[in-house]
PDB file of all heavy atoms in Angstrom:
ATOM      1  N   THR A   1     -13.331 126.001 153.847  1.00  0.00           N
ATOM      2  CA  THR A   1     -13.238 127.099 152.903  1.00  0.00           C
ATOM      3  C   THR A   1     -13.138 126.561 151.480  1.00  0.00           C
ATOM      4  O   THR A   1     -12.801 125.405 151.253  1.00  0.00           O
ATOM      5  CB  THR A   1     -11.992 127.954 153.184  1.00  0.00           C
ATOM      6  OG1 THR A   1     -10.818 127.168 152.886  1.00  0.00           O
ATOM      7  CG2 THR A   1     -11.944 128.419 154.625  1.00  0.00           C
ATOM      8  N   GLY A   2     -13.423 127.430 150.518  1.00  0.00           N
ATOM      9  CA  GLY A   2     -13.292 127.030 149.119  1.00  0.00           C
ATOM     10  C   GLY A   2     -11.882 126.612 148.776  1.00  0.00           C
ATOM     11  O   GLY A   2     -11.654 125.689 147.988  1.00  0.00           O
ATOM     12  N   ILE A   3     -10.886 127.274 149.366  1.00  0.00           N
ATOM     13  CA  ILE A   3      -9.482 126.936 149.100  1.00  0.00           C
ATOM     14  C   ILE A   3      -9.183 125.524 149.588  1.00  0.00           C
ATOM     15  O   ILE A   3      -8.511 124.740 148.923  1.00  0.00           O
ATOM     16  CB  ILE A   3      -8.548 127.958 149.777  1.00  0.00           C
ATOM     17  CG1 ILE A   3      -8.692 129.325 149.091  1.00  0.00           C
ATOM     18  CG2 ILE A   3      -7.100 127.485 149.744  1.00  0.00           C
ATOM     19  CD1 ILE A   3      -7.916 130.437 149.763  1.00  0.00           C
ATOM     20  N   ARG A   4      -9.713 125.187 150.738  1.00  0.00           N
ATOM     21  CA  ARG A   4      -9.489 123.852 151.313  1.00  0.00           C
ATOM     22  C   ARG A   4     -10.102 122.771 150.420  1.00  0.00           C
ATOM     23  O   ARG A   4      -9.487 121.724 150.176  1.00  0.00           O
ATOM     24  CB  ARG A   4     -10.116 123.830 152.706  1.00  0.00           C
ATOM     25  CG  ARG A   4      -9.805 122.608 153.539  1.00  0.00           C
ATOM     26  CD  ARG A   4     -10.342 122.850 154.931  1.00  0.00           C
ATOM     27  NE  ARG A   4     -10.287 121.666 155.748  1.00  0.00           N
ATOM     28  CZ  ARG A   4     -10.785 121.606 156.987  1.00  0.00           C
ATOM     29  NH1 ARG A   4     -11.344 122.665 157.508  1.00  0.00           N
ATOM     30  NH2 ARG A   4     -10.697 120.499 157.682  1.00  0.00           N
ATOM     31  N   VAL A   5     -11.298 123.023 149.939  1.00  0.00           N
ATOM     32  CA  VAL A   5     -11.961 122.066 149.049  1.00  0.00           C
ATOM     33  C   VAL A   5     -11.169 121.907 147.755  1.00  0.00           C
ATOM     34  O   VAL A   5     -10.992 120.799 147.240  1.00  0.00           O
ATOM     35  CB  VAL A   5     -13.407 122.516 148.745  1.00  0.00           C
ATOM     36  CG1 VAL A   5     -14.038 121.633 147.678  1.00  0.00           C
ATOM     37  CG2 VAL A   5     -14.246 122.470 150.019  1.00  0.00           C
ATOM     38  N   ALA A   6     -10.671 123.023 147.208  1.00  0.00           N
ATOM     39  CA  ALA A   6      -9.894 122.970 145.968  1.00  0.00           C
ATOM     40  C   ALA A   6      -8.654 122.101 146.131  1.00  0.00           C
ATOM     41  O   ALA A   6      -8.309 121.316 145.249  1.00  0.00           O
ATOM     42  CB  ALA A   6      -9.494 124.379 145.535  1.00  0.00           C
ATOM     43  N   LYS A   7      -7.979 122.212 147.253  1.00  0.00           N
ATOM     44  CA  LYS A   7      -6.768 121.414 147.479  1.00  0.00           C
ATOM     45  C   LYS A   7      -7.111 119.927 147.578  1.00  0.00           C
ATOM     46  O   LYS A   7      -6.338 119.076 147.132  1.00  0.00           O
ATOM     47  CB  LYS A   7      -6.046 121.891 148.737  1.00  0.00           C
ATOM     48  CG  LYS A   7      -5.335 123.226 148.532  1.00  0.00           C
ATOM     49  CD  LYS A   7      -4.566 123.666 149.762  1.00  0.00           C
ATOM     50  CE  LYS A   7      -3.823 124.957 149.482  1.00  0.00           C
ATOM     51  NZ  LYS A   7      -3.065 125.442 150.667  1.00  0.00           N
ATOM     52  N   ASN A   8      -8.268 119.613 148.147  1.00  0.00           N
ATOM     53  CA  ASN A   8      -8.691 118.211 148.206  1.00  0.00           C
ATOM     54  C   ASN A   8      -8.997 117.672 146.822  1.00  0.00           C
ATOM     55  O   ASN A   8      -8.778 116.495 146.538  1.00  0.00           O
ATOM     56  CB  ASN A   8      -9.922 118.061 149.114  1.00  0.00           C
ATOM     57  CG  ASN A   8      -9.559 117.950 150.582  1.00  0.00           C
ATOM     58  OD1 ASN A   8      -9.383 116.867 151.101  1.00  0.00           O
ATOM     59  ND2 ASN A   8      -9.421 119.082 151.234  1.00  0.00           N
ATOM     60  N   ILE A   9      -9.509 118.512 145.934  1.00  0.00           N
ATOM     61  CA  ILE A   9      -9.783 118.096 144.561  1.00  0.00           C
ATOM     62  C   ILE A   9      -8.480 117.827 143.818  1.00  0.00           C
ATOM     63  O   ILE A   9      -8.356 116.865 143.066  1.00  0.00           O
ATOM     64  CB  ILE A   9     -10.603 119.172 143.828  1.00  0.00           C
ATOM     65  CG1 ILE A   9     -12.037 119.209 144.379  1.00  0.00           C
ATOM     66  CG2 ILE A   9     -10.627 118.926 142.317  1.00  0.00           C
ATOM     67  CD1 ILE A   9     -12.863 120.354 143.859  1.00  0.00           C
ATOM     68  N   LEU A  10      -7.491 118.663 144.039  1.00  0.00           N
ATOM     69  CA  LEU A  10      -6.220 118.549 143.320  1.00  0.00           C
ATOM     70  C   LEU A  10      -5.480 117.261 143.669  1.00  0.00           C
ATOM     71  O   LEU A  10      -4.826 116.670 142.823  1.00  0.00           O
ATOM     72  CB  LEU A  10      -5.326 119.755 143.649  1.00  0.00           C
ATOM     73  CG  LEU A  10      -5.767 121.091 143.059  1.00  0.00           C
ATOM     74  CD1 LEU A  10      -4.997 122.224 143.688  1.00  0.00           C
ATOM     75  CD2 LEU A  10      -5.580 121.094 141.550  1.00  0.00           C
ATOM     76  N   HIS A  11      -5.575 116.827 144.918  1.00  0.00           N
ATOM     77  CA  HIS A  11      -4.818 115.651 145.370  1.00  0.00           C
ATOM     78  C   HIS A  11      -5.788 114.582 145.847  1.00  0.00           C
ATOM     79  O   HIS A  11      -6.359 114.692 146.928  1.00  0.00           O
ATOM     80  CB  HIS A  11      -3.869 116.033 146.505  1.00  0.00           C
ATOM     81  CG  HIS A  11      -2.890 117.110 146.140  1.00  0.00           C
ATOM     82  ND1 HIS A  11      -1.964 116.964 145.138  1.00  0.00           N
ATOM     83  CD2 HIS A  11      -2.719 118.348 146.622  1.00  0.00           C
ATOM     84  CE1 HIS A  11      -1.236 118.065 145.040  1.00  0.00           C
ATOM     85  NE2 HIS A  11      -1.684 118.927 145.918  1.00  0.00           N
ATOM     86  N   HIS A  12      -5.976 113.516 145.062  1.00  0.00           N
ATOM     87  CA  HIS A  12      -7.015 112.549 145.393  1.00  0.00           C
ATOM     88  C   HIS A  12      -6.683 111.683 146.603  1.00  0.00           C
ATOM     89  O   HIS A  12      -7.552 111.028 147.162  1.00  0.00           O
ATOM     90  CB  HIS A  12      -7.368 111.679 144.178  1.00  0.00           C
ATOM     91  CG  HIS A  12      -6.364 110.634 143.840  1.00  0.00           C
ATOM     92  ND1 HIS A  12      -5.351 110.842 142.938  1.00  0.00           N
ATOM     93  CD2 HIS A  12      -6.224 109.360 144.285  1.00  0.00           C
ATOM     94  CE1 HIS A  12      -4.636 109.732 142.828  1.00  0.00           C
ATOM     95  NE2 HIS A  12      -5.140 108.826 143.628  1.00  0.00           N
ATOM     96  N   LYS A  13      -5.413 111.654 147.039  1.00  0.00           N
ATOM     97  CA  LYS A  13      -5.046 110.908 148.239  1.00  0.00           C
ATOM     98  C   LYS A  13      -5.271 111.735 149.507  1.00  0.00           C
ATOM     99  O   LYS A  13      -5.185 111.224 150.619  1.00  0.00           O
ATOM    100  CB  LYS A  13      -3.568 110.498 148.185  1.00  0.00           C
ATOM    101  CG  LYS A  13      -3.260 109.348 147.232  1.00  0.00           C
ATOM    102  CD  LYS A  13      -3.772 108.034 147.776  1.00  0.00           C
ATOM    103  CE  LYS A  13      -3.349 106.867 146.895  1.00  0.00           C
ATOM    104  NZ  LYS A  13      -3.851 105.580 147.414  1.00  0.00           N
ATOM    105  N   LEU A  14      -5.560 113.010 149.338  1.00  0.00           N
ATOM    106  CA  LEU A  14      -5.691 113.923 150.469  1.00  0.00           C
ATOM    107  C   LEU A  14      -7.042 113.743 151.137  1.00  0.00           C
ATOM    108  O   LEU A  14      -8.083 113.833 150.500  1.00  0.00           O
ATOM    109  CB  LEU A  14      -5.532 115.359 149.970  1.00  0.00           C
ATOM    110  CG  LEU A  14      -5.176 116.446 150.979  1.00  0.00           C
ATOM    111  CD1 LEU A  14      -3.861 116.135 151.669  1.00  0.00           C
ATOM    112  CD2 LEU A  14      -5.099 117.788 150.284  1.00  0.00           C
ATOM    113  N   ALA A  15      -7.043 113.476 152.442  1.00  0.00           N
ATOM    114  CA  ALA A  15      -8.291 113.337 153.184  1.00  0.00           C
ATOM    115  C   ALA A  15      -8.699 114.667 153.796  1.00  0.00           C
ATOM    116  O   ALA A  15      -9.880 114.999 153.864  1.00  0.00           O
ATOM    117  CB  ALA A  15      -8.128 112.283 154.276  1.00  0.00           C
ATOM    118  N   ASP A  16      -7.728 115.473 154.233  1.00  0.00           N
ATOM    119  CA  ASP A  16      -8.035 116.769 154.823  1.00  0.00           C
ATOM    120  C   ASP A  16      -6.771 117.615 154.856  1.00  0.00           C
ATOM    121  O   ASP A  16      -5.652 117.089 154.876  1.00  0.00           O
ATOM    122  CB  ASP A  16      -8.572 116.586 156.248  1.00  0.00           C
ATOM    123  CG  ASP A  16      -9.360 117.791 156.742  1.00  0.00           C
ATOM    124  OD1 ASP A  16      -9.530 118.753 155.963  1.00  0.00           O
ATOM    125  OD2 ASP A  16      -9.818 117.762 157.885  1.00  0.00           O
ATOM    126  N   VAL A  17      -6.945 118.927 154.837  1.00  0.00           N
ATOM    127  CA  VAL A  17      -5.814 119.846 154.945  1.00  0.00           C
ATOM    128  C   VAL A  17      -6.265 121.079 155.697  1.00  0.00           C
ATOM    129  O   VAL A  17      -7.348 121.616 155.456  1.00  0.00           O
ATOM    130  CB  VAL A  17      -5.247 120.219 153.545  1.00  0.00           C
ATOM    131  CG1 VAL A  17      -6.331 120.806 152.652  1.00  0.00           C
ATOM    132  CG2 VAL A  17      -4.088 121.196 153.671  1.00  0.00           C
ATOM    133  N   ILE A  18      -5.443 121.513 156.635  1.00  0.00           N
ATOM    134  CA  ILE A  18      -5.720 122.729 157.406  1.00  0.00           C
ATOM    135  C   ILE A  18      -4.461 123.588 157.375  1.00  0.00           C
ATOM    136  O   ILE A  18      -3.373 123.131 157.746  1.00  0.00           O
ATOM    137  CB  ILE A  18      -6.079 122.397 158.863  1.00  0.00           C
ATOM    138  CG1 ILE A  18      -7.343 121.519 158.925  1.00  0.00           C
ATOM    139  CG2 ILE A  18      -6.291 123.671 159.670  1.00  0.00           C
ATOM    140  CD1 ILE A  18      -7.651 120.998 160.306  1.00  0.00           C
ATOM    141  N   SER A  19      -4.596 124.820 156.910  1.00  0.00           N
ATOM    142  CA  SER A  19      -3.464 125.745 156.883  1.00  0.00           C
ATOM    143  C   SER A  19      -3.252 126.299 158.287  1.00  0.00           C
ATOM    144  O   SER A  19      -4.122 126.982 158.828  1.00  0.00           O
ATOM    145  CB  SER A  19      -3.723 126.882 155.893  1.00  0.00           C
ATOM    146  OG  SER A  19      -3.828 126.387 154.582  1.00  0.00           O
ATOM    147  N   LEU A  20      -2.108 126.008 158.877  1.00  0.00           N
ATOM    148  CA  LEU A  20      -1.806 126.499 160.220  1.00  0.00           C
ATOM    149  C   LEU A  20      -1.356 127.944 160.175  1.00  0.00           C
ATOM    150  O   LEU A  20      -1.622 128.718 161.087  1.00  0.00           O
ATOM    151  CB  LEU A  20      -0.738 125.614 160.866  1.00  0.00           C
ATOM    152  CG  LEU A  20      -1.100 124.130 160.999  1.00  0.00           C
ATOM    153  CD1 LEU A  20       0.040 123.357 161.632  1.00  0.00           C
ATOM    154  CD2 LEU A  20      -2.383 123.957 161.815  1.00  0.00           C
ATOM    155  N   ASP A  21      -0.630 128.296 159.110  1.00  0.00           N
ATOM    156  CA  ASP A  21      -0.292 129.690 158.826  1.00  0.00           C
ATOM    157  C   ASP A  21       0.037 129.764 157.339  1.00  0.00           C
ATOM    158  O   ASP A  21      -0.298 128.856 156.586  1.00  0.00           O
ATOM    159  CB  ASP A  21       0.859 130.205 159.706  1.00  0.00           C
ATOM    160  CG  ASP A  21       2.163 129.422 159.539  1.00  0.00           C
ATOM    161  OD1 ASP A  21       2.401 128.873 158.428  1.00  0.00           O
ATOM    162  OD2 ASP A  21       2.954 129.358 160.483  1.00  0.00           O
ATOM    163  N   GLU A  22       0.683 130.829 156.895  1.00  0.00           N
ATOM    164  CA  GLU A  22       0.948 130.991 155.469  1.00  0.00           C
ATOM    165  C   GLU A  22       1.916 129.948 154.922  1.00  0.00           C
ATOM    166  O   GLU A  22       1.925 129.668 153.727  1.00  0.00           O
ATOM    167  CB  GLU A  22       1.521 132.389 155.198  1.00  0.00           C
ATOM    168  CG  GLU A  22       0.517 133.510 155.413  1.00  0.00           C
ATOM    169  CD  GLU A  22       1.094 134.864 155.063  1.00  0.00           C
ATOM    170  OE1 GLU A  22       2.282 134.914 154.672  1.00  0.00           O
ATOM    171  OE2 GLU A  22       0.372 135.859 155.185  1.00  0.00           O
ATOM    172  N   ASN A  23       2.713 129.357 155.791  1.00  0.00           N
ATOM    173  CA  ASN A  23       3.783 128.471 155.326  1.00  0.00           C
ATOM    174  C   ASN A  23       3.607 126.997 155.693  1.00  0.00           C
ATOM    175  O   ASN A  23       4.214 126.137 155.064  1.00  0.00           O
ATOM    176  CB  ASN A  23       5.133 128.953 155.898  1.00  0.00           C
ATOM    177  CG  ASN A  23       5.449 130.365 155.474  1.00  0.00           C
ATOM    178  OD1 ASN A  23       5.362 130.707 154.313  1.00  0.00           O
ATOM    179  ND2 ASN A  23       5.813 131.210 156.448  1.00  0.00           N
ATOM    180  N   ILE A  24       2.803 126.707 156.689  1.00  0.00           N
ATOM    181  CA  ILE A  24       2.722 125.349 157.212  1.00  0.00           C
ATOM    182  C   ILE A  24       1.288 124.826 157.144  1.00  0.00           C
ATOM    183  O   ILE A  24       0.339 125.542 157.462  1.00  0.00           O
ATOM    184  CB  ILE A  24       3.218 125.281 158.672  1.00  0.00           C
ATOM    185  CG1 ILE A  24       4.672 125.736 158.767  1.00  0.00           C
ATOM    186  CG2 ILE A  24       3.078 123.870 159.232  1.00  0.00           C
ATOM    187  CD1 ILE A  24       5.656 124.857 158.035  1.00  0.00           C
ATOM    188  N   SER A  25       1.140 123.575 156.711  1.00  0.00           N
ATOM    189  CA  SER A  25      -0.178 122.940 156.650  1.00  0.00           C
ATOM    190  C   SER A  25      -0.172 121.618 157.415  1.00  0.00           C
ATOM    191  O   SER A  25       0.836 120.907 157.435  1.00  0.00           O
ATOM    192  CB  SER A  25      -0.576 122.661 155.194  1.00  0.00           C
ATOM    193  OG  SER A  25      -0.811 123.860 154.490  1.00  0.00           O
ATOM    194  N   LEU A  26      -1.299 121.326 158.034  1.00  0.00           N
ATOM    195  CA  LEU A  26      -1.535 120.015 158.642  1.00  0.00           C
ATOM    196  C   LEU A  26      -2.331 119.208 157.632  1.00  0.00           C
ATOM    197  O   LEU A  26      -3.399 119.634 157.188  1.00  0.00           O
ATOM    198  CB  LEU A  26      -2.325 120.163 159.938  1.00  0.00           C
ATOM    199  CG  LEU A  26      -2.692 118.865 160.666  1.00  0.00           C
ATOM    200  CD1 LEU A  26      -1.457 118.200 161.245  1.00  0.00           C
ATOM    201  CD2 LEU A  26      -3.722 119.135 161.761  1.00  0.00           C
ATOM    202  N   VAL A  27      -1.805 118.058 157.238  1.00  0.00           N
ATOM    203  CA  VAL A  27      -2.455 117.266 156.189  1.00  0.00           C
ATOM    204  C   VAL A  27      -2.772 115.858 156.685  1.00  0.00           C
ATOM    205  O   VAL A  27      -2.022 115.275 157.462  1.00  0.00           O
ATOM    206  CB  VAL A  27      -1.587 117.180 154.910  1.00  0.00           C
ATOM    207  CG1 VAL A  27      -1.415 118.546 154.289  1.00  0.00           C
ATOM    208  CG2 VAL A  27      -0.221 116.560 155.191  1.00  0.00           C
ATOM    209  N   GLU A  28      -3.912 115.357 156.254  1.00  0.00           N
ATOM    210  CA  GLU A  28      -4.285 113.963 156.483  1.00  0.00           C
ATOM    211  C   GLU A  28      -4.455 113.328 155.119  1.00  0.00           C
ATOM    212  O   GLU A  28      -5.172 113.862 154.269  1.00  0.00           O
ATOM    213  CB  GLU A  28      -5.584 113.870 157.296  1.00  0.00           C
ATOM    214  CG  GLU A  28      -5.464 114.485 158.686  1.00  0.00           C
ATOM    215  CD  GLU A  28      -6.612 114.102 159.609  1.00  0.00           C
ATOM    216  OE1 GLU A  28      -7.312 113.117 159.284  1.00  0.00           O
ATOM    217  OE2 GLU A  28      -6.789 114.753 160.648  1.00  0.00           O
ATOM    218  N   PHE A  29      -3.787 112.190 154.890  1.00  0.00           N
ATOM    219  CA  PHE A  29      -3.804 111.603 153.555  1.00  0.00           C
ATOM    220  C   PHE A  29      -3.639 110.089 153.615  1.00  0.00           C
ATOM    221  O   PHE A  29      -3.095 109.535 154.576  1.00  0.00           O
ATOM    222  CB  PHE A  29      -2.703 112.213 152.678  1.00  0.00           C
ATOM    223  CG  PHE A  29      -1.303 111.979 153.183  1.00  0.00           C
ATOM    224  CD1 PHE A  29      -0.520 110.964 152.645  1.00  0.00           C
ATOM    225  CD2 PHE A  29      -0.752 112.766 154.182  1.00  0.00           C
ATOM    226  CE1 PHE A  29       0.776 110.732 153.095  1.00  0.00           C
ATOM    227  CE2 PHE A  29       0.542 112.556 154.640  1.00  0.00           C
ATOM    228  CZ  PHE A  29       1.305 111.531 154.094  1.00  0.00           C
ATOM    229  N   TYR A  30      -4.133 109.452 152.564  1.00  0.00           N
ATOM    230  CA  TYR A  30      -3.957 108.001 152.424  1.00  0.00           C
ATOM    231  C   TYR A  30      -2.599 107.734 151.782  1.00  0.00           C
ATOM    232  O   TYR A  30      -2.193 108.447 150.864  1.00  0.00           O
ATOM    233  CB  TYR A  30      -5.071 107.410 151.563  1.00  0.00           C
ATOM    234  CG  TYR A  30      -6.426 107.509 152.199  1.00  0.00           C
ATOM    235  CD1 TYR A  30      -7.263 108.594 151.931  1.00  0.00           C
ATOM    236  CD2 TYR A  30      -6.871 106.537 153.091  1.00  0.00           C
ATOM    237  CE1 TYR A  30      -8.518 108.704 152.532  1.00  0.00           C
ATOM    238  CE2 TYR A  30      -8.128 106.633 153.690  1.00  0.00           C
ATOM    239  CZ  TYR A  30      -8.937 107.721 153.406  1.00  0.00           C
ATOM    240  OH  TYR A  30     -10.165 107.832 154.006  1.00  0.00           O
ATOM    241  N   PRO A  31      -1.869 106.746 152.245  1.00  0.00           N
ATOM    242  CA  PRO A  31      -0.524 106.506 151.716  1.00  0.00           C
ATOM    243  C   PRO A  31      -0.552 106.022 150.269  1.00  0.00           C
ATOM    244  O   PRO A  31      -1.424 105.222 149.899  1.00  0.00           O
ATOM    245  CB  PRO A  31       0.035 105.420 152.639  1.00  0.00           C
ATOM    246  CG  PRO A  31      -1.169 104.716 153.169  1.00  0.00           C
ATOM    247  CD  PRO A  31      -2.233 105.763 153.294  1.00  0.00           C
ATOM    248  N   PRO A  32       0.364 106.489 149.447  1.00  0.00           N
ATOM    249  CA  PRO A  32       0.474 105.945 148.089  1.00  0.00           C
ATOM    250  C   PRO A  32       0.920 104.491 148.145  1.00  0.00           C
ATOM    251  O   PRO A  32       1.531 104.053 149.131  1.00  0.00           O
ATOM    252  CB  PRO A  32       1.531 106.833 147.437  1.00  0.00           C
ATOM    253  CG  PRO A  32       2.324 107.385 148.570  1.00  0.00           C
ATOM    254  CD  PRO A  32       1.368 107.531 149.718  1.00  0.00           C
ATOM    255  N   SER A  33       0.626 103.747 147.098  1.00  0.00           N
ATOM    256  CA  SER A  33       0.924 102.308 147.094  1.00  0.00           C
ATOM    257  C   SER A  33       2.409 102.024 147.280  1.00  0.00           C
ATOM    258  O   SER A  33       2.790 100.994 147.836  1.00  0.00           O
ATOM    259  CB  SER A  33       0.423 101.676 145.790  1.00  0.00           C
ATOM    260  OG  SER A  33       0.996 102.317 144.663  1.00  0.00           O
ATOM    261  N   SER A  34       3.271 102.961 146.828  1.00  0.00           N
ATOM    262  CA  SER A  34       4.721 102.748 146.943  1.00  0.00           C
ATOM    263  C   SER A  34       5.208 102.816 148.392  1.00  0.00           C
ATOM    264  O   SER A  34       6.327 102.397 148.695  1.00  0.00           O
ATOM    265  CB  SER A  34       5.472 103.775 146.101  1.00  0.00           C
ATOM    266  OG  SER A  34       5.190 105.096 146.532  1.00  0.00           O
ATOM    267  N   TRP A  35       4.380 103.346 149.304  1.00  0.00           N
ATOM    268  CA  TRP A  35       4.755 103.415 150.716  1.00  0.00           C
ATOM    269  C   TRP A  35       4.264 102.201 151.498  1.00  0.00           C
ATOM    270  O   TRP A  35       4.800 101.895 152.563  1.00  0.00           O
ATOM    271  CB  TRP A  35       4.168 104.669 151.361  1.00  0.00           C
ATOM    272  CG  TRP A  35       4.706 105.971 150.845  1.00  0.00           C
ATOM    273  CD1 TRP A  35       5.442 106.177 149.718  1.00  0.00           C
ATOM    274  CD2 TRP A  35       4.520 107.248 151.445  1.00  0.00           C
ATOM    275  NE1 TRP A  35       5.720 107.518 149.565  1.00  0.00           N
ATOM    276  CE2 TRP A  35       5.162 108.199 150.610  1.00  0.00           C
ATOM    277  CE3 TRP A  35       3.859 107.693 152.577  1.00  0.00           C
ATOM    278  CZ2 TRP A  35       5.170 109.556 150.899  1.00  0.00           C
ATOM    279  CZ3 TRP A  35       3.868 109.048 152.879  1.00  0.00           C
ATOM    280  CH2 TRP A  35       4.523 109.975 152.051  1.00  0.00           C
ATOM    281  N   VAL A  36       3.237 101.540 151.016  1.00  0.00           N
ATOM    282  CA  VAL A  36       2.587 100.469 151.775  1.00  0.00           C
ATOM    283  C   VAL A  36       3.546  99.299 151.993  1.00  0.00           C
ATOM    284  O   VAL A  36       4.222  98.841 151.066  1.00  0.00           O
ATOM    285  CB  VAL A  36       1.313  99.983 151.036  1.00  0.00           C
ATOM    286  CG1 VAL A  36       0.703  98.771 151.739  1.00  0.00           C
ATOM    287  CG2 VAL A  36       0.292 101.109 150.948  1.00  0.00           C
ATOM    288  N   GLY A  37       3.592  98.841 153.244  1.00  0.00           N
ATOM    289  CA  GLY A  37       4.456  97.724 153.590  1.00  0.00           C
ATOM    290  C   GLY A  37       5.886  98.119 153.921  1.00  0.00           C
ATOM    291  O   GLY A  37       6.697  97.260 154.260  1.00  0.00           O
ATOM    292  N   ARG A  38       6.178  99.412 153.829  1.00  0.00           N
ATOM    293  CA  ARG A  38       7.546  99.880 154.121  1.00  0.00           C
ATOM    294  C   ARG A  38       7.573 100.609 155.463  1.00  0.00           C
ATOM    295  O   ARG A  38       6.575 101.169 155.914  1.00  0.00           O
ATOM    296  CB  ARG A  38       8.036 100.795 153.005  1.00  0.00           C
ATOM    297  CG  ARG A  38       8.077 100.117 151.648  1.00  0.00           C
ATOM    298  CD  ARG A  38       8.512 101.075 150.551  1.00  0.00           C
ATOM    299  NE  ARG A  38       9.874 101.548 150.750  1.00  0.00           N
ATOM    300  CZ  ARG A  38      10.436 102.505 150.012  1.00  0.00           C
ATOM    301  NH1 ARG A  38       9.753 103.085 149.043  1.00  0.00           N
ATOM    302  NH2 ARG A  38      11.677 102.879 150.244  1.00  0.00           N
ATOM    303  N   SER A  39       8.720 100.616 156.083  1.00  0.00           N
ATOM    304  CA  SER A  39       8.872 101.259 157.388  1.00  0.00           C
ATOM    305  C   SER A  39       9.311 102.710 157.214  1.00  0.00           C
ATOM    306  O   SER A  39       9.817 103.112 156.155  1.00  0.00           O
ATOM    307  CB  SER A  39       9.911 100.517 158.231  1.00  0.00           C
ATOM    308  OG  SER A  39      11.198 100.640 157.632  1.00  0.00           O
ATOM    309  N   LEU A  40       9.118 103.493 158.267  1.00  0.00           N
ATOM    310  CA  LEU A  40       9.492 104.910 158.210  1.00  0.00           C
ATOM    311  C   LEU A  40      10.990 105.085 157.971  1.00  0.00           C
ATOM    312  O   LEU A  40      11.419 106.007 157.264  1.00  0.00           O
ATOM    313  CB  LEU A  40       9.080 105.607 159.510  1.00  0.00           C
ATOM    314  CG  LEU A  40       7.577 105.711 159.777  1.00  0.00           C
ATOM    315  CD1 LEU A  40       7.325 106.483 161.073  1.00  0.00           C
ATOM    316  CD2 LEU A  40       6.869 106.383 158.608  1.00  0.00           C
TER     317      LEU A  40
END
């Protein structure tokens, strides 16, 4: 959808986003550099 594409434009680390409902989204994204090499 156009909304989905817009959200990908807004966040350059975002690989994909799917709205599961009005409040919850499933997101796929590349980790920011500050997360790399660190544990959960």
